[in-house]
Amino acid sequence: MMLKTEMRNPYTMHFDKMSSAEQVAAMCRENRNAVLAVEKAAPEIAKAVDLVAEAFQNGHRLFFIGAGTSGRLGVLDAAECPPTFGVSPDMVQGIIAGGKERMFTAGEGEEDKEEKGMADVQNAGIGAGDVLVGVSVAGGAAYVVGALNEARARGAKTVALTSNFDTPIEKCADVTIITDTGAEVITGSTRLKAGTAHKMVMNMLTTCAMTQTGKVYENMMINLKPSNIKLRGRVIRITSAILDCDEQTAIAALEANDWNIRRAVEK
């Protein structure tokens, strides 16, 4: 049976004949389906959040692994965790099939290399206590299957993230998240709404687990570093909000504590 993400979308059969306004409207409509698909998968996403939070609480790590767009999205989310939550780059890592150069140039054959997925898990030292999220829109990328199987054999918890039902990566996972986004605007171009849905899920996994392990106060980034002008202003505003004081008082508290928000508000 053909995968849903490979089917032709009946609403965009004549996309090439649409005006710019019609094309944009069609893509907006389909992007709303990505949001709905993520909402329907919320129970499974919450289960995965629990796995990741437990890993963080016990000093372990989260990994995203995938090929092509799936791999790039994982690397992107991982790269944003240190500045957002003040954590080590080792805590959340993204692994893309074919290595770092595939962030910039496509290598479509990389997803077919199961042994490479296994090797990348071994090289990353993924093991007991860690969580590996294998991302494959189609759900059958051999690279991701190999990675998930190897991680599970080494004692890690595994999560499968896909946009199709009854796929090989489900058999390798403790938790399976299926964002059923359906046919794309351009047939098979899963960098579109399927990719959008998966980035939303990754945002939820890291944001919720980081919050549950003390990296967020109320809805503010308590570990934020003032590494540029914009972030210095944000650090001041966060400190001012927590202490319920004016900005000058917040600045004084921060200067007395090496611009560490947590220490400034605890005193």
C-alpha atoms as a PDB file:
ATOM      1  CA  MET A   1       0.000   0.000   0.000  1.00  0.00           C
ATOM      2  CA  MET A   2       1.308   3.464  -0.905  1.00  0.00           C
ATOM      3  CA  LEU A   3       2.393   5.639   2.003  1.00  0.00           C
ATOM      4  CA  LYS A   4       0.096   8.582   2.682  1.00  0.00           C
ATOM      5  CA  THR A   5       3.011  10.977   2.372  1.00  0.00           C
ATOM      6  CA  GLU A   6       3.667   9.682  -1.161  1.00  0.00           C
ATOM      7  CA  MET A   7       0.103  10.137  -2.426  1.00  0.00           C
ATOM      8  CA  ARG A   8      -1.055  12.994  -4.637  1.00  0.00           C
ATOM      9  CA  ASN A   9      -2.954  15.734  -2.863  1.00  0.00           C
ATOM     10  CA  PRO A  10      -6.393  16.186  -4.493  1.00  0.00           C
ATOM     11  CA  TYR A  11      -6.476  19.868  -3.482  1.00  0.00           C
ATOM     12  CA  THR A  12      -3.271  20.743  -5.331  1.00  0.00           C
ATOM     13  CA  MET A  13      -3.569  18.701  -8.516  1.00  0.00           C
ATOM     14  CA  HIS A  14      -3.174  21.885 -10.571  1.00  0.00           C
ATOM     15  CA  PHE A  15      -0.733  23.700  -8.303  1.00  0.00           C
ATOM     16  CA  ASP A  16       1.344  24.683 -11.326  1.00  0.00           C
ATOM     17  CA  LYS A  17      -1.605  26.599 -12.784  1.00  0.00           C
ATOM     18  CA  MET A  18      -2.505  28.480  -9.586  1.00  0.00           C
ATOM     19  CA  SER A  19      -1.798  32.157  -9.012  1.00  0.00           C
ATOM     20  CA  SER A  20       0.668  33.120  -6.299  1.00  0.00           C
ATOM     21  CA  ALA A  21      -2.221  33.951  -3.954  1.00  0.00           C
ATOM     22  CA  GLU A  22      -3.855  30.583  -4.627  1.00  0.00           C
ATOM     23  CA  GLN A  23      -0.603  28.695  -4.080  1.00  0.00           C
ATOM     24  CA  VAL A  24       0.026  30.448  -0.775  1.00  0.00           C
ATOM     25  CA  ALA A  25      -3.556  29.806   0.341  1.00  0.00           C
ATOM     26  CA  ALA A  26      -3.210  26.115  -0.511  1.00  0.00           C
ATOM     27  CA  MET A  27      -0.008  25.821   1.480  1.00  0.00           C
ATOM     28  CA  CYS A  28      -1.551  27.647   4.441  1.00  0.00           C
ATOM     29  CA  ARG A  29      -4.458  25.204   4.416  1.00  0.00           C
ATOM     30  CA  GLU A  30      -2.120  22.199   4.342  1.00  0.00           C
ATOM     31  CA  ASN A  31       0.107  23.641   7.078  1.00  0.00           C
ATOM     32  CA  ARG A  32      -2.920  23.771   9.377  1.00  0.00           C
ATOM     33  CA  ASN A  33      -3.124  20.011   8.901  1.00  0.00           C
ATOM     34  CA  ALA A  34       0.360  19.723  10.359  1.00  0.00           C
ATOM     35  CA  VAL A  35      -0.817  21.399  13.559  1.00  0.00           C
ATOM     36  CA  LEU A  36      -3.864  19.131  13.774  1.00  0.00           C
ATOM     37  CA  ALA A  37      -1.709  16.048  13.224  1.00  0.00           C
ATOM     38  CA  VAL A  38       0.566  17.015  16.101  1.00  0.00           C
ATOM     39  CA  GLU A  39      -2.432  17.614  18.375  1.00  0.00           C
ATOM     40  CA  LYS A  40      -3.762  14.124  17.625  1.00  0.00           C
ATOM     41  CA  ALA A  41      -0.391  12.645  18.536  1.00  0.00           C
ATOM     42  CA  ALA A  42      -0.252  14.514  21.874  1.00  0.00           C
ATOM     43  CA  PRO A  43      -0.627  11.436  24.150  1.00  0.00           C
ATOM     44  CA  GLU A  44       2.364   9.725  22.551  1.00  0.00           C
ATOM     45  CA  ILE A  45       4.366  12.951  22.566  1.00  0.00           C
ATOM     46  CA  ALA A  46       3.730  13.241  26.323  1.00  0.00           C
ATOM     47  CA  LYS A  47       4.996   9.680  26.853  1.00  0.00           C
ATOM     48  CA  ALA A  48       8.176  10.564  24.994  1.00  0.00           C
ATOM     49  CA  VAL A  49       8.578  13.747  27.058  1.00  0.00           C
ATOM     50  CA  ASP A  50       8.462  11.597  30.198  1.00  0.00           C
ATOM     51  CA  LEU A  51      11.266   9.402  28.837  1.00  0.00           C
ATOM     52  CA  VAL A  52      13.425  12.409  28.008  1.00  0.00           C
ATOM     53  CA  ALA A  53      12.771  14.158  31.332  1.00  0.00           C
ATOM     54  CA  GLU A  54      13.728  10.989  33.206  1.00  0.00           C
ATOM     55  CA  ALA A  55      16.939  10.774  31.191  1.00  0.00           C
ATOM     56  CA  PHE A  56      17.820  14.392  31.971  1.00  0.00           C
ATOM     57  CA  GLN A  57      17.029  13.943  35.670  1.00  0.00           C
ATOM     58  CA  ASN A  58      19.533  11.104  35.806  1.00  0.00           C
ATOM     59  CA  GLY A  59      22.303  12.848  33.928  1.00  0.00           C
ATOM     60  CA  HIS A  60      21.724  11.171  30.573  1.00  0.00           C
ATOM     61  CA  ARG A  61      21.249  12.532  27.064  1.00  0.00           C
ATOM     62  CA  LEU A  62      18.784  12.963  24.216  1.00  0.00           C
ATOM     63  CA  PHE A  63      19.693  12.271  20.603  1.00  0.00           C
ATOM     64  CA  PHE A  64      17.793  12.966  17.384  1.00  0.00           C
ATOM     65  CA  ILE A  65      18.849  10.918  14.363  1.00  0.00           C
ATOM     66  CA  GLY A  66      17.666  10.990  10.779  1.00  0.00           C
ATOM     67  CA  ALA A  67      18.582  11.388   7.133  1.00  0.00           C
ATOM     68  CA  GLY A  68      18.047  14.422   4.914  1.00  0.00           C
ATOM     69  CA  THR A  69      15.440  16.873   6.200  1.00  0.00           C
ATOM     70  CA  SER A  70      14.746  14.674   9.225  1.00  0.00           C
ATOM     71  CA  GLY A  71      18.394  14.774  10.244  1.00  0.00           C
ATOM     72  CA  ARG A  72      18.707  18.516   9.641  1.00  0.00           C
ATOM     73  CA  LEU A  73      15.706  19.273  11.826  1.00  0.00           C
ATOM     74  CA  GLY A  74      17.189  17.224  14.669  1.00  0.00           C
ATOM     75  CA  VAL A  75      20.514  19.027  14.429  1.00  0.00           C
ATOM     76  CA  LEU A  76      18.688  22.374  14.400  1.00  0.00           C
ATOM     77  CA  ASP A  77      16.699  21.626  17.555  1.00  0.00           C
ATOM     78  CA  ALA A  78      19.748  20.260  19.374  1.00  0.00           C
ATOM     79  CA  ALA A  79      21.840  23.297  18.471  1.00  0.00           C
ATOM     80  CA  GLU A  80      19.278  25.641  20.031  1.00  0.00           C
ATOM     81  CA  CYS A  81      19.240  23.929  23.438  1.00  0.00           C
ATOM     82  CA  PRO A  82      22.499  25.328  24.902  1.00  0.00           C
ATOM     83  CA  PRO A  83      21.624  29.020  24.334  1.00  0.00           C
ATOM     84  CA  THR A  84      17.984  28.529  25.316  1.00  0.00           C
ATOM     85  CA  PHE A  85      18.424  26.426  28.425  1.00  0.00           C
ATOM     86  CA  GLY A  86      22.059  27.002  29.413  1.00  0.00           C
ATOM     87  CA  VAL A  87      23.008  23.337  29.068  1.00  0.00           C
ATOM     88  CA  SER A  88      26.038  21.563  27.671  1.00  0.00           C
ATOM     89  CA  PRO A  89      26.015  20.827  23.916  1.00  0.00           C
ATOM     90  CA  ASP A  90      26.377  17.156  24.868  1.00  0.00           C
ATOM     91  CA  MET A  91      22.980  17.025  26.559  1.00  0.00           C
ATOM     92  CA  VAL A  92      20.956  17.144  23.331  1.00  0.00           C
ATOM     93  CA  GLN A  93      22.634  16.061  20.111  1.00  0.00           C
ATOM     94  CA  GLY A  94      21.530  15.776  16.509  1.00  0.00           C
ATOM     95  CA  ILE A  95      22.989  13.147  14.197  1.00  0.00           C
ATOM     96  CA  ILE A  96      22.478  13.341  10.439  1.00  0.00           C
ATOM     97  CA  ALA A  97      23.180  10.484   8.046  1.00  0.00           C
ATOM     98  CA  GLY A  98      26.380  11.151   6.138  1.00  0.00           C
ATOM     99  CA  GLY A  99      27.829  13.532   8.686  1.00  0.00           C
ATOM    100  CA  LYS A 100      27.982  17.302   9.061  1.00  0.00           C
ATOM    101  CA  GLU A 101      28.423  18.026   5.341  1.00  0.00           C
ATOM    102  CA  ARG A 102      24.891  16.719   4.757  1.00  0.00           C
ATOM    103  CA  MET A 103      23.549  19.727   6.636  1.00  0.00           C
ATOM    104  CA  PHE A 104      24.414  21.762   3.545  1.00  0.00           C
ATOM    105  CA  THR A 105      24.401  19.323   0.643  1.00  0.00           C
ATOM    106  CA  ALA A 106      21.930  16.516  -0.002  1.00  0.00           C
ATOM    107  CA  GLY A 107      23.020  12.877  -0.033  1.00  0.00           C
ATOM    108  CA  GLU A 108      19.890  10.920  -0.818  1.00  0.00           C
ATOM    109  CA  GLY A 109      21.560   7.523  -0.659  1.00  0.00           C
ATOM    110  CA  GLU A 110      22.598   7.952   2.979  1.00  0.00           C
ATOM    111  CA  GLU A 111      19.209   6.872   4.330  1.00  0.00           C
ATOM    112  CA  ASP A 112      19.641   3.385   2.827  1.00  0.00           C
ATOM    113  CA  LYS A 113      22.741   2.534   4.898  1.00  0.00           C
ATOM    114  CA  GLU A 114      21.576   0.572   7.939  1.00  0.00           C
ATOM    115  CA  GLU A 115      25.104  -0.214   9.057  1.00  0.00           C
ATOM    116  CA  LYS A 116      25.946   3.504   9.104  1.00  0.00           C
ATOM    117  CA  GLY A 117      23.076   4.149  11.495  1.00  0.00           C
ATOM    118  CA  MET A 118      24.392   1.449  13.789  1.00  0.00           C
ATOM    119  CA  ALA A 119      27.920   2.831  13.576  1.00  0.00           C
ATOM    120  CA  ASP A 120      26.810   6.391  14.349  1.00  0.00           C
ATOM    121  CA  VAL A 121      25.040   5.184  17.502  1.00  0.00           C
ATOM    122  CA  GLN A 122      28.163   3.326  18.569  1.00  0.00           C
ATOM    123  CA  ASN A 123      30.407   6.304  17.850  1.00  0.00           C
ATOM    124  CA  ALA A 124      28.150   8.609  19.876  1.00  0.00           C
ATOM    125  CA  GLY A 125      28.386   6.253  22.847  1.00  0.00           C
ATOM    126  CA  ILE A 126      24.604   6.008  23.153  1.00  0.00           C
ATOM    127  CA  GLY A 127      23.692   3.589  25.915  1.00  0.00           C
ATOM    128  CA  ALA A 128      21.621   2.815  28.988  1.00  0.00           C
ATOM    129  CA  GLY A 129      19.757   5.853  30.286  1.00  0.00           C
ATOM    130  CA  ASP A 130      19.959   7.813  27.034  1.00  0.00           C
ATOM    131  CA  VAL A 131      17.027   8.437  24.678  1.00  0.00           C
ATOM    132  CA  LEU A 132      17.288   8.175  20.903  1.00  0.00           C
ATOM    133  CA  VAL A 133      14.553   9.693  18.720  1.00  0.00           C
ATOM    134  CA  GLY A 134      14.662   8.166  15.255  1.00  0.00           C
ATOM    135  CA  VAL A 135      13.045  10.457  12.684  1.00  0.00           C
ATOM    136  CA  SER A 136      11.770   9.136   9.348  1.00  0.00           C
ATOM    137  CA  VAL A 137       8.701  10.610   7.645  1.00  0.00           C
ATOM    138  CA  ALA A 138       8.223   7.492   5.535  1.00  0.00           C
ATOM    139  CA  GLY A 139       9.047   5.321   8.523  1.00  0.00           C
ATOM    140  CA  GLY A 140      11.365   2.949   6.709  1.00  0.00           C
ATOM    141  CA  ALA A 141      14.761   4.634   6.358  1.00  0.00           C
ATOM    142  CA  ALA A 142      17.268   1.809   6.858  1.00  0.00           C
ATOM    143  CA  TYR A 143      19.728   4.227   8.478  1.00  0.00           C
ATOM    144  CA  VAL A 144      17.190   5.097  11.175  1.00  0.00           C
ATOM    145  CA  VAL A 145      16.083   1.484  11.652  1.00  0.00           C
ATOM    146  CA  GLY A 146      19.696   0.443  12.189  1.00  0.00           C
ATOM    147  CA  ALA A 147      20.255   3.281  14.643  1.00  0.00           C
ATOM    148  CA  LEU A 148      17.144   2.493  16.695  1.00  0.00           C
ATOM    149  CA  ASN A 149      17.914  -1.224  16.851  1.00  0.00           C
ATOM    150  CA  GLU A 150      21.497  -0.582  17.901  1.00  0.00           C
ATOM    151  CA  ALA A 151      20.454   1.950  20.552  1.00  0.00           C
ATOM    152  CA  ARG A 152      17.879  -0.431  21.979  1.00  0.00           C
ATOM    153  CA  ALA A 153      20.429  -3.257  22.072  1.00  0.00           C
ATOM    154  CA  ARG A 154      22.738  -0.953  24.043  1.00  0.00           C
ATOM    155  CA  GLY A 155      20.035  -0.239  26.637  1.00  0.00           C
ATOM    156  CA  ALA A 156      18.801   3.158  25.481  1.00  0.00           C
ATOM    157  CA  LYS A 157      15.150   4.149  25.301  1.00  0.00           C
ATOM    158  CA  THR A 158      13.914   4.645  21.754  1.00  0.00           C
ATOM    159  CA  VAL A 159      11.287   6.876  20.170  1.00  0.00           C
ATOM    160  CA  ALA A 160      10.102   6.633  16.556  1.00  0.00           C
ATOM    161  CA  LEU A 161       8.846   9.809  14.885  1.00  0.00           C
ATOM    162  CA  THR A 162       7.076   9.277  11.551  1.00  0.00           C
ATOM    163  CA  SER A 163       4.112  10.455   9.493  1.00  0.00           C
ATOM    164  CA  ASN A 164       2.884   7.038   8.376  1.00  0.00           C
ATOM    165  CA  PHE A 165       1.248   4.075  10.098  1.00  0.00           C
ATOM    166  CA  ASP A 166       2.582   0.503  10.349  1.00  0.00           C
ATOM    167  CA  THR A 167       6.161   1.268   9.372  1.00  0.00           C
ATOM    168  CA  PRO A 168       9.436  -0.520  10.239  1.00  0.00           C
ATOM    169  CA  ILE A 169      10.628   2.050  12.782  1.00  0.00           C
ATOM    170  CA  GLU A 170       7.598   1.333  15.001  1.00  0.00           C
ATOM    171  CA  LYS A 171       9.037  -2.125  15.691  1.00  0.00           C
ATOM    172  CA  CYS A 172      12.238  -0.559  17.037  1.00  0.00           C
ATOM    173  CA  ALA A 173      10.674   1.926  19.459  1.00  0.00           C
ATOM    174  CA  ASP A 174       9.447   2.095  23.036  1.00  0.00           C
ATOM    175  CA  VAL A 175       7.206   5.000  21.986  1.00  0.00           C
ATOM    176  CA  THR A 176       5.962   5.765  18.473  1.00  0.00           C
ATOM    177  CA  ILE A 177       4.759   9.243  17.515  1.00  0.00           C
ATOM    178  CA  ILE A 178       2.794   9.379  14.264  1.00  0.00           C
ATOM    179  CA  THR A 179       1.936  12.799  12.881  1.00  0.00           C
ATOM    180  CA  ASP A 180      -0.531  11.856  10.155  1.00  0.00           C
ATOM    181  CA  THR A 181      -0.062  14.870   7.867  1.00  0.00           C
ATOM    182  CA  GLY A 182      -1.160  13.106   4.682  1.00  0.00           C
ATOM    183  CA  ALA A 183      -0.326  14.024   1.100  1.00  0.00           C
ATOM    184  CA  GLU A 184       1.956  16.995   0.497  1.00  0.00           C
ATOM    185  CA  VAL A 185       1.256  20.056  -1.647  1.00  0.00           C
ATOM    186  CA  ILE A 186       4.021  18.802  -3.948  1.00  0.00           C
ATOM    187  CA  THR A 187       3.775  15.023  -4.111  1.00  0.00           C
ATOM    188  CA  GLY A 188       6.321  13.366  -1.827  1.00  0.00           C
ATOM    189  CA  SER A 189       8.037  16.615  -0.779  1.00  0.00           C
ATOM    190  CA  THR A 190       8.017  15.841   2.934  1.00  0.00           C
ATOM    191  CA  ARG A 191      10.225  18.818   3.783  1.00  0.00           C
ATOM    192  CA  LEU A 192       6.870  20.634   3.761  1.00  0.00           C
ATOM    193  CA  LYS A 193       4.089  19.934   6.282  1.00  0.00           C
ATOM    194  CA  ALA A 194       5.502  16.578   7.426  1.00  0.00           C
ATOM    195  CA  GLY A 195       8.782  18.292   8.284  1.00  0.00           C
ATOM    196  CA  THR A 196       6.904  21.139   9.938  1.00  0.00           C
ATOM    197  CA  ALA A 197       5.019  18.693  12.147  1.00  0.00           C
ATOM    198  CA  HIS A 198       8.211  16.914  13.139  1.00  0.00           C
ATOM    199  CA  LYS A 199       9.957  20.133  14.091  1.00  0.00           C
ATOM    200  CA  MET A 200       6.974  20.964  16.292  1.00  0.00           C
ATOM    201  CA  VAL A 201       7.303  17.595  18.033  1.00  0.00           C
ATOM    202  CA  MET A 202      11.028  18.098  18.599  1.00  0.00           C
ATOM    203  CA  ASN A 203      10.298  21.532  20.100  1.00  0.00           C
ATOM    204  CA  MET A 204       7.879  19.887  22.518  1.00  0.00           C
ATOM    205  CA  LEU A 205      10.247  17.093  23.552  1.00  0.00           C
ATOM    206  CA  THR A 206      13.110  19.424  24.427  1.00  0.00           C
ATOM    207  CA  THR A 207      11.092  22.331  25.819  1.00  0.00           C
ATOM    208  CA  CYS A 208       8.858  20.239  28.081  1.00  0.00           C
ATOM    209  CA  ALA A 209      11.661  17.998  29.352  1.00  0.00           C
ATOM    210  CA  MET A 210      13.975  20.939  30.001  1.00  0.00           C
ATOM    211  CA  THR A 211      11.210  22.725  31.894  1.00  0.00           C
ATOM    212  CA  GLN A 212      10.485  19.661  34.003  1.00  0.00           C
ATOM    213  CA  THR A 213      14.131  19.474  35.000  1.00  0.00           C
ATOM    214  CA  GLY A 214      14.402  23.058  36.227  1.00  0.00           C
ATOM    215  CA  LYS A 215      15.692  24.919  33.184  1.00  0.00           C
ATOM    216  CA  VAL A 216      12.645  27.215  33.055  1.00  0.00           C
ATOM    217  CA  TYR A 217      11.089  29.375  35.801  1.00  0.00           C
ATOM    218  CA  GLU A 218       7.376  29.993  35.191  1.00  0.00           C
ATOM    219  CA  ASN A 219       7.690  30.611  31.439  1.00  0.00           C
ATOM    220  CA  MET A 220      11.100  32.294  31.460  1.00  0.00           C
ATOM    221  CA  MET A 221      14.593  31.101  30.518  1.00  0.00           C
ATOM    222  CA  ILE A 222      16.261  31.053  33.911  1.00  0.00           C
ATOM    223  CA  ASN A 223      19.645  29.892  32.527  1.00  0.00           C
ATOM    224  CA  LEU A 224      19.867  32.408  29.678  1.00  0.00           C
ATOM    225  CA  LYS A 225      23.313  33.888  28.996  1.00  0.00           C
ATOM    226  CA  PRO A 226      23.662  37.593  27.966  1.00  0.00           C
ATOM    227  CA  SER A 227      25.779  36.736  24.927  1.00  0.00           C
ATOM    228  CA  ASN A 228      24.589  39.612  22.739  1.00  0.00           C
ATOM    229  CA  ILE A 229      22.755  42.936  23.055  1.00  0.00           C
ATOM    230  CA  LYS A 230      19.304  41.432  22.544  1.00  0.00           C
ATOM    231  CA  LEU A 231      19.874  38.677  25.093  1.00  0.00           C
ATOM    232  CA  ARG A 232      21.361  41.116  27.642  1.00  0.00           C
ATOM    233  CA  GLY A 233      18.091  43.037  27.512  1.00  0.00           C
ATOM    234  CA  ARG A 234      16.118  39.820  27.893  1.00  0.00           C
ATOM    235  CA  VAL A 235      18.200  38.762  30.906  1.00  0.00           C
ATOM    236  CA  ILE A 236      17.491  42.119  32.540  1.00  0.00           C
ATOM    237  CA  ARG A 237      13.745  41.850  31.848  1.00  0.00           C
ATOM    238  CA  ILE A 238      13.572  38.304  33.200  1.00  0.00           C
ATOM    239  CA  THR A 239      15.397  39.260  36.366  1.00  0.00           C
ATOM    240  CA  SER A 240      13.224  42.350  36.793  1.00  0.00           C
ATOM    241  CA  ALA A 241      10.052  40.264  36.388  1.00  0.00           C
ATOM    242  CA  ILE A 242      11.124  37.621  38.892  1.00  0.00           C
ATOM    243  CA  LEU A 243      12.286  40.151  41.508  1.00  0.00           C
ATOM    244  CA  ASP A 244       9.391  42.523  40.713  1.00  0.00           C
ATOM    245  CA  CYS A 245      11.820  45.430  40.552  1.00  0.00           C
ATOM    246  CA  ASP A 246      12.916  48.116  38.110  1.00  0.00           C
ATOM    247  CA  GLU A 247      15.619  47.446  35.519  1.00  0.00           C
ATOM    248  CA  GLN A 248      18.366  49.314  37.383  1.00  0.00           C
ATOM    249  CA  THR A 249      17.826  47.149  40.465  1.00  0.00           C
ATOM    250  CA  ALA A 250      17.857  44.057  38.255  1.00  0.00           C
ATOM    251  CA  ILE A 251      21.112  45.149  36.616  1.00  0.00           C
ATOM    252  CA  ALA A 252      22.712  45.677  40.025  1.00  0.00           C
ATOM    253  CA  ALA A 253      21.667  42.203  41.130  1.00  0.00           C
ATOM    254  CA  LEU A 254      22.992  40.680  37.926  1.00  0.00           C
ATOM    255  CA  GLU A 255      26.310  42.535  38.101  1.00  0.00           C
ATOM    256  CA  ALA A 256      26.781  41.284  41.648  1.00  0.00           C
ATOM    257  CA  ASN A 257      26.290  37.707  40.422  1.00  0.00           C
ATOM    258  CA  ASP A 258      28.255  37.597  37.139  1.00  0.00           C
ATOM    259  CA  TRP A 259      25.049  38.063  35.132  1.00  0.00           C
ATOM    260  CA  ASN A 260      23.704  34.723  36.335  1.00  0.00           C
ATOM    261  CA  ILE A 261      19.906  35.036  36.575  1.00  0.00           C
ATOM    262  CA  ARG A 262      19.455  32.102  38.920  1.00  0.00           C
ATOM    263  CA  ARG A 263      21.956  33.387  41.451  1.00  0.00           C
ATOM    264  CA  ALA A 264      20.701  36.971  41.141  1.00  0.00           C
ATOM    265  CA  VAL A 265      17.112  36.037  41.988  1.00  0.00           C
ATOM    266  CA  GLU A 266      17.977  33.587  44.755  1.00  0.00           C
ATOM    267  CA  LYS A 267      19.740  36.205  46.901  1.00  0.00           C
END
